[in-house]
Protein backbone atom coordinates (compact mmCIF):
# COMPACT_ATOMS: atom_id res chain seq x y z
CA MET A 1 -24.67 -20.14 -8.51
CA LEU A 2 -21.36 -18.81 -7.31
CA ARG A 3 -21.10 -18.08 -3.60
CA LEU A 4 -18.37 -16.24 -1.76
CA ASP A 5 -18.12 -14.65 1.65
CA LEU A 6 -15.77 -12.00 3.00
CA LYS A 7 -13.48 -14.53 4.71
CA ALA A 8 -12.95 -16.33 1.39
CA HIS A 9 -12.40 -12.90 -0.22
CA HIS A 10 -9.54 -12.20 2.18
CA LYS A 11 -8.04 -15.68 1.94
CA ILE A 12 -7.66 -14.96 -1.79
CA ALA A 13 -6.01 -11.61 -0.93
CA ILE A 14 -3.54 -13.39 1.39
CA ALA A 15 -2.86 -15.94 -1.41
CA TYR A 16 -1.89 -13.09 -3.73
CA PHE A 17 0.39 -11.71 -0.99
CA PHE A 18 2.04 -15.13 -0.76
CA LEU A 19 2.59 -15.30 -4.55
CA ALA A 20 3.94 -11.73 -4.63
CA ALA A 21 6.34 -12.57 -1.78
CA LEU A 22 7.61 -15.66 -3.69
CA LEU A 23 8.16 -13.51 -6.77
CA GLY A 24 10.08 -11.10 -4.54
CA ILE A 25 12.42 -13.94 -3.48
CA LEU A 26 12.88 -14.86 -7.13
CA LEU A 27 13.98 -11.25 -7.80
CA ARG A 28 16.51 -11.48 -4.94
CA LEU A 29 17.88 -14.74 -6.40
CA PHE A 30 18.90 -12.98 -9.64
CA TYR A 31 21.87 -11.51 -7.66
CA VAL A 32 22.86 -14.88 -6.17
CA THR A 33 22.55 -17.46 -8.95
CA PRO A 34 21.68 -17.52 -12.69
CA VAL A 35 17.90 -17.40 -13.20
CA SER A 36 16.39 -18.22 -16.59
CA ALA A 37 13.82 -15.45 -16.56
CA ASN A 38 13.58 -11.76 -17.40
CA TYR A 39 14.18 -9.62 -14.27
CA LYS A 40 11.99 -6.71 -15.44
CA TYR A 41 9.14 -8.96 -16.39
CA ILE A 42 9.18 -10.66 -12.93
CA LEU A 43 9.40 -7.22 -11.29
CA HIS A 44 6.24 -6.07 -13.11
CA ALA A 45 4.40 -9.20 -11.98
CA HIS A 46 5.66 -8.83 -8.39
CA SER A 47 4.67 -5.19 -8.03
CA HIS A 48 1.23 -5.57 -9.68
CA ILE A 49 0.23 -8.62 -7.66
CA ALA A 50 1.53 -7.12 -4.41
CA LEU A 51 -0.29 -3.79 -4.78
CA LEU A 52 -3.39 -4.87 -6.67
CA GLY A 53 -3.74 -8.48 -5.48
CA TRP A 54 -2.95 -8.14 -1.78
CA VAL A 55 -3.45 -4.49 -0.73
CA TYR A 56 -6.32 -3.61 -3.10
CA LEU A 57 -8.32 -6.75 -2.38
CA ALA A 58 -7.73 -6.52 1.37
CA LEU A 59 -8.73 -2.85 1.49
CA THR A 60 -11.79 -3.26 -0.72
CA GLY A 61 -13.03 -6.26 1.27
CA ILE A 62 -12.63 -4.37 4.57
CA ILE A 63 -14.46 -1.34 3.13
CA TYR A 64 -17.33 -3.59 2.08
CA ARG A 65 -17.43 -5.11 5.57
CA LEU A 66 -17.56 -1.68 7.31
CA PHE A 67 -20.57 -0.36 5.43
CA PHE A 68 -22.57 -3.44 4.49
CA HIS A 69 -21.99 -5.90 7.38
CA LYS A 70 -22.94 -8.86 5.21
CA THR A 71 -21.09 -12.13 5.42
CA LYS A 72 -22.33 -13.10 1.95
CA LEU A 73 -21.36 -10.76 -0.87
CA SER A 74 -24.07 -9.07 -2.93
CA LYS A 75 -24.41 -10.11 -6.59
CA LYS A 76 -23.16 -6.79 -7.93
CA TYR A 77 -20.09 -6.84 -5.73
CA LEU A 78 -19.45 -10.50 -6.50
CA TYR A 79 -19.34 -9.80 -10.26
CA ILE A 80 -16.90 -6.93 -9.67
CA PHE A 81 -14.75 -9.20 -7.46
CA LEU A 82 -14.72 -12.02 -10.03
CA ALA A 83 -13.78 -9.65 -12.89
CA THR A 84 -11.06 -8.17 -10.69
CA ASN A 85 -9.61 -11.63 -10.09
CA ILE A 86 -9.71 -12.46 -13.80
CA SER A 87 -7.65 -9.31 -14.43
CA LEU A 88 -5.22 -10.19 -11.61
CA LEU A 89 -4.72 -13.76 -12.84
CA GLY A 90 -4.26 -12.41 -16.35
CA MET A 91 -1.51 -10.08 -15.13
CA LEU A 92 0.06 -12.88 -13.01
CA PHE A 93 0.35 -15.19 -16.04
CA SER A 94 1.33 -12.61 -18.64
CA PHE A 95 3.76 -10.16 -16.99
CA PRO A 96 6.44 -12.79 -16.17
CA PHE A 97 6.58 -13.91 -19.80
CA GLN A 98 6.13 -10.71 -21.85
CA GLY A 99 6.32 -7.70 -19.53
CA TYR A 100 4.24 -4.78 -20.76
CA ALA A 101 2.71 -6.14 -23.97
CA VAL A 102 -0.73 -6.61 -25.49
CA ILE A 103 -2.05 -9.30 -23.11
CA SER A 104 -0.77 -7.76 -19.88
CA ILE A 105 -1.99 -4.31 -20.97
CA ILE A 106 -5.49 -5.71 -21.69
CA PHE A 107 -5.67 -7.25 -18.19
CA SER A 108 -4.23 -4.13 -16.55
CA THR A 109 -6.86 -2.02 -18.34
CA LEU A 110 -9.59 -4.45 -17.20
CA PHE A 111 -8.38 -4.03 -13.64
CA LEU A 112 -8.74 -0.20 -13.91
CA PHE A 113 -12.36 -0.57 -15.03
CA CYS A 114 -13.03 -3.04 -12.16
CA SER A 115 -11.62 -0.47 -9.71
CA TYR A 116 -13.95 2.19 -11.17
CA PHE A 117 -16.91 -0.16 -10.76
CA PHE A 118 -15.91 -0.87 -7.17
CA ALA A 119 -15.63 2.84 -6.34
CA GLY A 120 -19.04 3.46 -7.97
CA PHE A 121 -20.58 0.54 -6.06
CA ILE A 122 -19.43 1.88 -2.68
CA LEU A 123 -20.27 5.54 -3.42
CA ARG A 124 -23.76 4.71 -4.71
CA ASN A 125 -24.84 1.90 -2.39
CA THR A 126 -23.43 2.77 1.02
CA PRO A 127 -26.43 3.11 3.39
CA GLU A 128 -27.36 6.68 4.33
CA GLU A 129 -26.61 6.06 8.00
CA TYR A 130 -22.89 5.88 7.26
CA ARG A 131 -22.55 8.71 4.75
CA LYS A 132 -22.00 11.44 7.32
CA THR A 133 -19.53 9.48 9.43
CA GLN A 134 -15.89 10.55 9.58
CA SER A 135 -14.75 7.12 8.43
CA PHE A 136 -16.86 7.21 5.26
CA LYS A 137 -15.69 10.73 4.42
CA LEU A 138 -12.08 9.52 4.54
CA ILE A 139 -12.83 6.37 2.56
CA LYS A 140 -14.81 8.35 0.01
CA ALA A 141 -11.75 10.62 -0.50
CA ALA A 142 -9.52 7.53 -0.75
CA LEU A 143 -11.69 6.03 -3.48
CA TRP A 144 -11.49 9.25 -5.48
CA TYR A 145 -7.69 9.24 -5.07
CA MET A 146 -7.66 5.64 -6.39
CA VAL A 147 -9.58 6.75 -9.50
CA PHE A 148 -7.42 9.87 -9.82
CA SER A 149 -4.19 7.82 -9.65
CA SER A 150 -5.24 5.95 -12.84
CA ILE A 151 -4.51 9.09 -14.89
CA GLY A 152 -0.89 7.92 -14.69
CA PRO A 153 -1.39 4.54 -16.44
CA TRP A 154 -3.75 6.05 -19.01
CA ALA A 155 -1.15 8.72 -19.87
CA LEU A 156 1.58 6.15 -20.36
CA GLY A 157 0.16 4.81 -23.60
CA GLY A 158 0.16 8.23 -25.29
CA ILE A 159 3.58 9.12 -23.90
CA MET A 160 5.10 5.80 -25.07
CA SER A 161 3.78 6.27 -28.61
CA THR A 162 4.86 9.93 -28.92
CA LEU A 163 7.73 10.76 -26.55
CA GLY A 164 9.02 7.27 -25.66
CA ASN A 165 9.92 5.70 -22.31
CA THR A 166 13.03 7.90 -21.90
CA SER A 167 10.90 11.05 -21.61
CA ILE A 168 10.63 12.74 -18.21
CA TRP A 169 6.85 12.58 -18.72
CA TYR A 170 7.02 8.78 -18.72
CA LYS A 171 8.62 8.74 -15.26
CA LEU A 172 6.35 11.52 -14.00
CA SER A 173 3.29 9.45 -15.04
CA VAL A 174 4.64 6.46 -13.09
CA TYR A 175 5.40 8.66 -10.04
CA PHE A 176 1.93 10.22 -10.29
CA TYR A 177 0.36 6.78 -10.11
CA LEU A 178 2.59 5.58 -7.24
CA HIS A 179 2.10 8.75 -5.22
CA PHE A 180 -1.67 8.65 -5.36
CA GLN A 181 -1.66 4.90 -4.64
CA TYR A 182 0.82 4.82 -1.74
CA ASN A 183 0.36 8.29 -0.24
CA ALA A 184 -3.37 8.81 -0.99
CA TRP A 185 -5.52 5.72 -1.73
CA PHE A 186 -3.75 3.32 0.67
CA LEU A 187 -3.02 5.88 3.38
CA VAL A 188 -6.38 7.66 3.44
CA ALA A 189 -8.35 4.38 3.22
CA LEU A 190 -6.44 2.98 6.21
CA LEU A 191 -7.14 6.19 8.11
CA GLY A 192 -10.82 5.75 7.23
CA ILE A 193 -10.76 2.24 8.76
CA LEU A 194 -8.95 3.65 11.84
CA PHE A 195 -11.68 6.26 12.30
CA TYR A 196 -14.30 3.46 12.03
CA LEU A 197 -12.39 1.81 14.91
CA PHE A 198 -12.54 5.12 16.84
CA GLN A 199 -16.27 5.19 16.23
CA LYS A 200 -16.77 1.62 17.46
CA LEU A 201 -14.76 2.36 20.63
CA ASN A 202 -16.74 5.59 21.18
CA LEU A 203 -13.67 7.82 20.80
CA ASP A 204 -14.92 11.25 19.77
CA PHE A 205 -12.47 13.00 17.44
CA GLY A 206 -14.80 16.05 17.34
CA ALA A 207 -16.52 17.53 14.26
CA LYS A 208 -14.48 20.76 14.21
CA GLU A 209 -11.20 18.92 14.81
CA PHE A 210 -11.99 16.40 12.09
CA LYS A 211 -12.77 19.15 9.58
CA ARG A 212 -9.34 20.68 10.24
CA PHE A 213 -7.61 17.28 10.08
CA PHE A 214 -9.40 16.35 6.83
CA LEU A 215 -8.45 19.65 5.18
CA LEU A 216 -4.80 19.45 6.26
CA LEU A 217 -4.50 15.82 5.24
CA ASN A 218 -5.97 16.17 1.76
CA SER A 219 -4.15 19.44 1.02
CA GLY A 220 -0.90 17.78 2.10
CA VAL A 221 -1.59 14.67 -0.01
CA LEU A 222 -2.24 16.76 -3.15
CA LEU A 223 0.68 19.18 -2.72
CA SER A 224 3.23 16.56 -1.66
CA PHE A 225 2.99 15.07 -5.18
CA PHE A 226 5.33 17.85 -6.25
CA LEU A 227 8.09 16.14 -4.23
CA SER A 228 8.08 13.58 -7.05
CA THR A 229 9.02 16.31 -9.53
CA TYR A 230 12.16 17.53 -7.73
CA TRP A 231 14.46 15.32 -9.85
CA THR A 232 13.46 17.33 -12.95
CA ASN A 233 14.87 20.59 -11.46
CA PRO A 234 11.43 22.26 -11.74
CA PRO A 235 10.61 25.94 -11.18
CA VAL A 236 11.05 27.19 -7.60
CA VAL A 237 7.29 27.35 -7.09
CA LEU A 238 7.04 23.56 -7.33
CA TYR A 239 9.74 23.18 -4.64
CA LEU A 240 7.71 25.46 -2.42
CA LEU A 241 4.46 23.62 -3.10
CA GLY A 242 6.08 20.26 -2.29
CA ALA A 243 7.52 21.64 0.97
CA LEU A 244 4.14 23.16 1.88
CA GLY A 245 2.54 19.74 1.31
CA VAL A 246 4.96 18.17 3.81
CA ILE A 247 4.25 20.89 6.40
CA LEU A 248 0.48 20.34 6.05
CA LEU A 249 0.91 16.59 6.41
CA LEU A 250 3.06 17.04 9.55
CA MET A 251 0.33 19.25 11.04
CA ALA A 252 -2.38 16.70 10.21
CA PHE A 253 -0.50 13.74 11.68
CA TYR A 254 0.57 15.72 14.76
CA GLN A 255 -3.15 16.26 15.44
CA LEU A 256 -3.96 12.56 14.79
CA PHE A 257 -1.13 11.21 16.98
CA ALA A 258 -1.97 13.66 19.77
CA PHE A 259 -5.56 12.34 19.76
CA ILE A 260 -4.31 8.73 19.83
CA MET A 261 -1.95 9.45 22.74
CA GLN A 262 -4.78 11.16 24.68
CA ASN A 263 -6.97 8.10 24.20
CA LYS A 264 -4.22 5.46 24.48
CA SER A 265 -5.79 3.72 27.53
CA LEU A 266 -9.22 3.53 25.83
CA LEU A 267 -7.71 2.11 22.65
CA LYS A 268 -5.76 -0.41 24.69
CA SER A 269 -8.82 -1.55 26.62
CA GLY A 270 -10.99 -1.70 23.48
CA LEU A 271 -8.63 -3.94 21.51
CA SER A 272 -6.93 -7.22 22.24
CA SER A 273 -3.30 -6.73 23.36
CA PHE A 274 -2.09 -8.36 20.14
CA ASN A 275 -4.15 -6.14 17.79
CA TYR A 276 -3.14 -3.06 19.80
CA ARG A 277 0.53 -4.03 19.48
CA ILE A 278 0.29 -4.51 15.69
CA LEU A 279 -1.40 -1.14 15.28
CA MET A 280 1.22 0.58 17.43
CA ILE A 281 4.04 -0.93 15.36
CA SER A 282 2.22 0.11 12.19
CA GLY A 283 1.90 3.64 13.66
CA ILE A 284 5.63 3.79 14.39
CA LEU A 285 6.33 2.77 10.77
CA LEU A 286 3.91 5.49 9.61
CA VAL A 287 5.96 8.05 11.58
CA GLY A 288 9.07 6.74 9.81
CA LYS A 289 7.31 7.09 6.45
CA ILE A 290 6.33 10.65 7.20
CA LEU A 291 9.91 11.53 8.28
CA MET A 292 11.39 10.04 5.13
CA GLN A 293 8.86 11.87 3.01
CA SER A 294 9.73 15.07 4.89
CA LEU A 295 13.43 14.62 4.17
CA SER A 296 12.65 14.29 0.48
CA SER A 297 11.30 17.86 0.54
CA LEU A 298 14.96 18.97 0.81
CA PRO A 299 16.51 19.06 -2.69
CA TYR A 300 19.71 17.29 -1.55
CA PHE A 301 17.81 14.28 -0.19
CA ALA A 302 15.41 14.30 -3.15
CA ASP A 303 18.40 13.97 -5.52
CA LEU A 304 19.94 11.34 -3.26
CA ALA A 305 16.76 9.24 -3.30
CA PHE A 306 16.39 9.57 -7.08
CA ASN A 307 19.99 8.47 -7.70
CA ASN A 308 20.08 5.71 -5.07
CA LEU A 309 17.69 2.91 -6.01
CA ASP A 310 18.17 1.11 -2.66
CA PHE A 311 16.71 4.02 -0.72
CA VAL A 312 13.67 4.06 -3.08
CA ILE A 313 13.18 0.27 -2.72
CA GLY A 314 13.69 0.54 1.04
CA TYR A 315 11.06 3.30 1.27
CA LEU A 316 8.52 1.50 -0.92
CA HIS A 317 8.90 -1.74 1.09
CA TRP A 318 8.78 0.23 4.35
CA VAL A 319 5.35 1.54 3.34
CA PHE A 320 4.03 -1.62 1.63
CA LEU A 321 5.44 -4.46 3.76
CA GLY A 322 5.55 -2.32 6.91
CA PHE A 323 2.97 0.31 7.60
CA VAL A 324 0.27 -0.82 5.11
CA SER A 325 0.49 -4.58 5.54
CA LEU A 326 0.73 -4.46 9.31
CA ALA A 327 -2.24 -2.14 9.52
CA LEU A 328 -4.19 -4.54 7.29
CA PHE A 329 -3.17 -7.48 9.49
CA ALA A 330 -4.48 -5.64 12.56
CA PHE A 331 -7.75 -4.60 11.00
CA LEU A 332 -8.42 -8.05 9.43
CA ASN A 333 -7.70 -9.73 12.75
CA TRP A 334 -9.89 -7.23 14.64
CA LEU A 335 -12.81 -7.70 12.21
CA ASP A 336 -12.34 -11.51 12.36
CA LEU A 337 -11.93 -11.70 8.61
CA ILE A 338 -8.49 -13.33 8.79
CA ARG A 339 -6.81 -14.95 11.78
CA ILE A 340 -3.22 -13.75 12.27
CA PRO A 341 -1.25 -16.26 14.42
CA LYS A 342 1.14 -14.50 16.78
CA LYS A 343 4.17 -16.60 15.87
CA ALA A 344 3.55 -16.12 12.14
CA PHE A 345 3.26 -12.35 12.70
CA TYR A 346 6.53 -12.10 14.59
CA LEU A 347 8.28 -14.21 11.94
CA TYR A 348 6.97 -11.78 9.32
CA LEU A 349 8.07 -8.79 11.38
CA SER A 350 11.56 -10.32 11.77
CA GLY A 351 11.90 -10.86 8.02
CA PHE A 352 10.72 -7.28 7.38
CA ILE A 353 13.10 -5.66 9.91
CA ILE A 354 16.18 -7.65 8.82
CA SER A 355 15.55 -7.20 5.05
CA GLU A 356 14.86 -3.45 5.47
CA THR A 357 18.05 -3.07 7.51
CA LEU A 358 20.03 -4.78 4.76
CA ILE A 359 18.44 -2.70 1.97
CA PHE A 360 19.08 0.63 3.72
CA TYR A 361 22.55 -0.58 4.65
CA LYS A 362 23.39 -1.07 0.92
CA GLY A 363 22.02 2.41 0.20
CA LEU A 364 24.23 3.89 2.92
CA VAL A 365 27.27 1.98 1.63
CA LEU A 366 26.81 3.46 -1.85
CA TRP A 367 26.09 6.91 -0.50
CA LEU A 368 28.93 7.17 2.04
CA GLU A 369 31.35 4.82 0.18
CA LEU A 370 31.58 2.42 3.14
CA PRO A 371 32.99 -1.15 2.98
CA PHE A 372 30.55 -3.77 1.69
CA PHE A 373 30.54 -7.26 3.30
CA GLY A 374 30.53 -10.47 1.28
CA ASN A 375 27.49 -12.75 0.88
CA TYR A 376 25.23 -9.69 1.24
CA PHE A 377 22.80 -10.83 -1.46
CA LEU A 378 22.61 -14.41 -0.07
CA LEU A 379 21.84 -13.04 3.40
CA LEU A 380 19.18 -10.75 1.88
CA VAL A 381 17.54 -13.78 0.22
CA LEU A 382 17.53 -15.74 3.49
CA ALA A 383 16.11 -12.79 5.49
CA SER A 384 13.51 -12.01 2.86
CA ALA A 385 12.46 -15.69 2.73
CA LEU A 386 10.98 -15.30 6.22
CA ILE A 387 8.23 -13.12 4.73
CA PRO A 388 6.69 -15.69 2.30
CA ILE A 389 7.12 -18.37 4.99
CA ALA A 390 5.16 -16.21 7.45
CA VAL A 391 2.50 -15.25 4.92
CA GLY A 392 2.20 -18.91 3.79
CA TRP A 393 1.73 -19.80 7.47
CA ILE A 394 -1.09 -17.24 7.81
CA LEU A 395 -2.69 -18.53 4.61
CA GLY A 396 -2.42 -22.16 5.66
CA VAL A 397 -3.99 -21.50 9.11
CA ASN A 398 -6.95 -19.68 7.52
CA LEU A 399 -7.49 -22.26 4.80
CA LEU A 400 -7.59 -25.06 7.40
CA LYS A 401 -9.86 -23.09 9.72
CA ARG A 402 -13.56 -23.76 9.25
């Protein structure tokens, strides 16, 4: 009989992060030396394993831990987890060699069904005692966003066969998926875990205040999707809806950060200094994410982002490697699911800061027509290499730990 506990679950998630980081270095090497591989195929593997291997598995494991408190996984959950890993390994070993083709599409589709089963498992089986908590309400919304985001991949098949991949609907389907993954599923799920932390530290957000926050947050998440349509020069009403979404998000996060600042001393005393520091850095990166998203509500900056790939890559990595991954590190360390060594964390943070600086620098160079220094791509490879080294360090420490 197969046995697996939550610590093993998250070691596997970290292993996927390590593999995704190595694939990221391989992508960087394309600009430095000849690589006998297809760049787009490696990019597909990198993005799928990063988002679905690391973030998805880490988030789902934490969610299970919050509401079930079992070290050993239940049979139903274990079957979902095993099927999910079959789909992930299938994508890992098909995307680099064929890109989007029959085998990779089959495993991608299997993953979607696994995610539906996971959402159903949590929504049906969460004990009644948690169902009225603020953390569960946020995580419930996040799970629905995860399911909702899959409309994008399902639409791609029909669009490819009828309109082709040059159609604006093809890109809009991709943006739909990415928006409801990055700005809805990941974001709202992490906020749900944060509210669980508030609950454990006896920080009362207030029922009335939470209702307002929840409404502002979800309205903002839904309406801010229209920011992803600006590049199509849509009707004025869509510009207004996108801008309204940003305003609602700003209001929601102002309320949240005001609450955090009011309870800063209680948070600090309830967490280890290291976990508190990671969460604060993640919070600062979240502020940066919100500001960048707000700028994209202005048509000039929306066009700039669409036409400047480095700004897009910088933003996506800011959210994924920065805000999301650091928040996951903090929560995993706090829940004692994964041990994050301090030196490994600061090595990771250094690699993230240096590589992000270089990526945004290249975007600024292209935008403002500034001089470009030599050996840029080699330096980017060396800086980015700190990330898989740090993640490998974290993985190694946890594999050796009994």
